[in-house]
Protein backbone atom coordinates (compact mmCIF):
# COMPACT_ATOMS: atom_id res chain seq x y z
CA UNK A 1 104.15 24.96 24.33
CA UNK A 2 101.99 26.56 27.05
CA UNK A 3 98.50 27.65 26.14
CA UNK A 4 98.04 31.44 26.10
CA UNK A 5 94.67 33.07 26.51
CA UNK A 6 93.70 35.75 24.05
CA UNK A 7 92.16 39.09 25.05
CA UNK A 8 88.61 37.79 24.53
CA UNK A 9 89.23 34.70 26.67
CA UNK A 10 90.78 36.81 29.42
CA UNK A 11 87.77 39.16 29.38
CA UNK A 12 85.37 36.18 29.56
CA UNK A 13 87.39 34.71 32.44
CA UNK A 14 87.26 38.00 34.32
CA UNK A 15 83.49 38.26 33.81
CA UNK A 16 82.98 34.71 35.11
CA UNK A 17 85.16 35.47 38.13
CA UNK A 18 83.23 38.68 38.80
CA UNK A 19 79.93 36.81 38.47
CA UNK A 20 81.18 34.20 40.95
CA UNK A 21 82.22 36.90 43.41
CA UNK A 22 78.84 38.64 43.09
CA UNK A 23 76.95 35.36 43.62
CA UNK A 24 78.99 34.52 46.69
CA UNK A 25 78.57 38.00 48.18
CA UNK A 26 74.81 37.99 47.58
CA UNK A 27 74.49 34.50 49.08
CA UNK A 28 76.40 35.59 52.17
CA UNK A 29 74.23 38.68 52.51
CA UNK A 30 70.97 36.73 52.16
CA UNK A 31 72.18 34.08 54.57
CA UNK A 32 73.27 36.68 57.12
CA UNK A 33 69.82 38.28 57.07
CA UNK A 34 68.10 34.92 57.63
CA UNK A 35 70.50 33.83 60.35
CA UNK A 36 70.21 37.16 62.16
CA UNK A 37 66.43 36.74 62.21
CA UNK A 38 66.80 33.21 63.57
CA UNK A 39 69.29 34.33 66.21
CA UNK A 40 66.88 37.05 67.36
CA UNK A 41 64.06 34.49 67.54
CA UNK A 42 66.10 32.02 69.54
CA UNK A 43 67.29 34.72 71.91
CA UNK A 44 63.67 35.78 72.45
CA UNK A 45 62.58 32.17 73.06
CA UNK A 46 65.49 31.54 75.42
CA UNK A 47 64.57 34.56 77.53
CA UNK A 48 60.96 33.38 77.71
CA UNK A 49 61.97 29.85 78.69
CA UNK A 50 63.93 31.29 81.60
CA UNK A 51 60.88 33.35 82.61
CA UNK A 52 58.66 30.23 82.44
CA UNK A 53 61.10 28.32 84.65
CA UNK A 54 61.10 31.14 87.23
CA UNK A 55 57.30 31.41 87.18
CA UNK A 56 56.95 27.66 87.62
CA UNK A 57 59.27 27.69 90.61
CA UNK A 58 57.40 30.61 92.20
CA UNK A 59 54.03 28.90 91.71
CA UNK A 60 55.40 25.73 93.28
CA UNK A 61 56.75 27.69 96.25
CA UNK A 62 53.46 29.55 96.73
CA UNK A 63 51.33 26.40 96.44
CA UNK A 64 53.07 23.90 98.68
CA UNK A 65 49.86 22.33 99.87
CA UNK A 66 48.01 22.11 96.52
CA UNK A 67 47.91 18.52 95.27
CA UNK A 68 49.74 17.85 92.01
CA UNK A 69 51.62 21.17 91.84
CA UNK A 70 55.00 19.51 92.33
CA UNK A 71 54.28 17.09 89.49
CA UNK A 72 53.22 19.89 87.11
CA UNK A 73 56.20 21.97 88.13
CA UNK A 74 58.54 19.06 87.40
CA UNK A 75 56.89 18.54 84.02
CA UNK A 76 57.37 22.22 83.13
CA UNK A 77 61.00 22.11 84.20
CA UNK A 78 61.66 19.02 82.06
CA UNK A 79 60.00 20.62 79.04
CA UNK A 80 61.86 23.92 79.39
CA UNK A 81 65.11 22.00 79.86
CA UNK A 82 64.47 20.05 76.66
CA UNK A 83 63.68 23.27 74.78
CA UNK A 84 66.82 24.93 76.08
CA UNK A 85 68.89 21.94 74.91
CA UNK A 86 67.35 22.10 71.41
CA UNK A 87 68.04 25.83 71.23
CA UNK A 88 71.66 25.17 72.20
CA UNK A 89 71.89 22.72 69.28
CA UNK A 90 70.45 25.38 66.97
CA UNK A 91 72.99 27.93 68.18
CA UNK A 92 75.78 25.46 67.36
CA UNK A 93 74.29 25.09 63.86
CA UNK A 94 74.38 28.88 63.51
CA UNK A 95 78.06 28.79 64.41
CA UNK A 96 78.63 26.37 61.52
CA UNK A 97 76.83 28.83 59.25
CA UNK A 98 79.16 31.57 60.47
CA UNK A 99 82.12 29.38 59.56
CA UNK A 100 80.63 28.78 56.10
CA UNK A 101 80.06 32.49 55.66
CA UNK A 102 83.70 33.23 56.56
CA UNK A 103 84.93 30.64 54.06
CA UNK A 104 82.78 32.05 51.28
CA UNK A 105 84.01 35.52 52.11
CA UNK A 106 87.61 34.30 51.79
CA UNK A 107 86.79 32.63 48.46
CA UNK A 108 85.20 35.84 47.23
CA UNK A 109 88.32 37.85 48.09
CA UNK A 110 90.51 35.24 46.40
CA UNK A 111 88.44 35.35 43.23
CA UNK A 112 88.50 39.15 43.22
CA UNK A 113 92.29 39.10 43.55
CA UNK A 114 92.57 36.57 40.75
CA UNK A 115 90.35 38.69 38.48
CA UNK A 116 92.57 41.69 39.24
CA UNK A 117 95.77 39.85 38.28
CA UNK A 118 94.30 38.29 35.16
CA UNK A 119 92.84 41.61 33.99
CA UNK A 120 96.33 43.19 33.66
CA UNK A 121 98.61 41.47 31.18
CA UNK A 122 101.75 42.68 32.97
CA UNK A 123 100.48 41.36 36.32
CA UNK A 124 99.45 38.03 34.81
CA UNK A 125 102.98 37.46 33.50
CA UNK A 126 104.77 38.69 36.64
CA UNK A 127 105.81 35.83 38.94
CA UNK A 128 106.17 38.25 41.87
CA UNK A 129 102.53 39.31 41.45
CA UNK A 130 101.42 35.67 41.61
CA UNK A 131 103.54 35.00 44.67
CA UNK A 132 102.18 38.12 46.39
CA UNK A 133 98.65 37.00 45.51
CA UNK A 134 99.23 33.49 46.91
CA UNK A 135 100.74 35.00 50.04
CA UNK A 136 97.68 37.23 50.45
CA UNK A 137 95.34 34.25 49.99
CA UNK A 138 97.33 32.29 52.57
CA UNK A 139 97.09 35.16 55.07
CA UNK A 140 93.32 35.07 54.60
CA UNK A 141 93.12 31.47 55.79
CA UNK A 142 91.86 31.98 59.32
CA UNK A 143 90.53 28.48 59.90
CA UNK A 144 92.52 25.27 60.32
CA UNK A 145 90.76 23.53 57.44
CA UNK A 146 91.46 26.43 55.07
CA UNK A 147 95.16 26.39 55.92
CA UNK A 148 95.34 22.62 55.44
CA UNK A 149 93.52 22.85 52.10
CA UNK A 150 95.91 25.59 50.96
CA UNK A 151 98.87 23.40 51.91
CA UNK A 152 97.47 20.39 50.08
CA UNK A 153 96.84 22.32 46.87
CA UNK A 154 99.71 24.82 46.78
CA UNK A 155 102.47 23.19 48.81
CA UNK A 156 101.82 19.51 48.02
CA UNK A 157 100.29 20.26 44.58
CA UNK A 158 97.41 17.82 45.06
CA UNK A 159 94.56 18.01 42.54
CA UNK A 160 91.45 19.72 43.95
CA UNK A 161 89.38 16.51 44.01
CA UNK A 162 92.05 14.66 45.98
CA UNK A 163 92.54 17.57 48.40
CA UNK A 164 88.78 17.71 48.99
CA UNK A 165 88.63 13.99 49.78
CA UNK A 166 91.57 14.26 52.15
CA UNK A 167 89.93 17.18 53.95
CA UNK A 168 86.56 15.41 54.17
CA UNK A 169 88.27 12.44 55.80
CA UNK A 170 90.18 14.65 58.23
CA UNK A 171 87.06 16.60 59.17
CA UNK A 172 85.04 13.40 59.69
CA UNK A 173 87.82 11.98 61.86
CA UNK A 174 87.94 15.18 63.93
CA UNK A 175 84.17 15.15 64.37
CA UNK A 176 84.29 11.52 65.55
CA UNK A 177 87.04 12.33 68.06
CA UNK A 178 85.05 15.34 69.32
CA UNK A 179 81.94 13.17 69.78
CA UNK A 180 83.96 10.55 71.68
CA UNK A 181 85.39 13.22 73.99
CA UNK A 182 81.89 14.65 74.50
CA UNK A 183 80.57 11.20 75.45
CA UNK A 184 83.36 10.80 78.02
CA UNK A 185 82.46 14.05 79.78
CA UNK A 186 80.28 13.37 82.78
CA UNK A 187 77.82 16.09 83.81
CA UNK A 188 76.80 16.46 87.44
């Protein structure tokens, strides 16, 4: 005999779902504010690095006969190049944050939809409502990993823990392949 939730249990479930949605939304909002500040800072620094490179080149051009200028100019160019590379790595990290933010946003919408279905007894018992909800969740999967996770859990009916392990392995494998391809690229 299937277990049926009573009105109190349904209300408690809805409150927990709403709390989860609120926590996710607040986390996204706080993270967005921090990341936007970091992006502004890195943009500012990047612009100044370019200005330093230009100034260094102009000084070197103006001071052809001053001893040691070429060496100092080369040192500045190496340092600004290193800084630019580190900033590029930071920008890539921000892109990962953006991906995380999108995922959390999708989770938040899914939880809200679930709370909506569970809060109405007629919806909770209507198979068509559940199918429409699953279809809506699937449409919200905009990233490859989300789609694969959906397939593992809903289509293949894997337990969450197993699906997570499968996805971790796939993502690690993809990262290793991407690093190998990156190593094979020769820059001129």
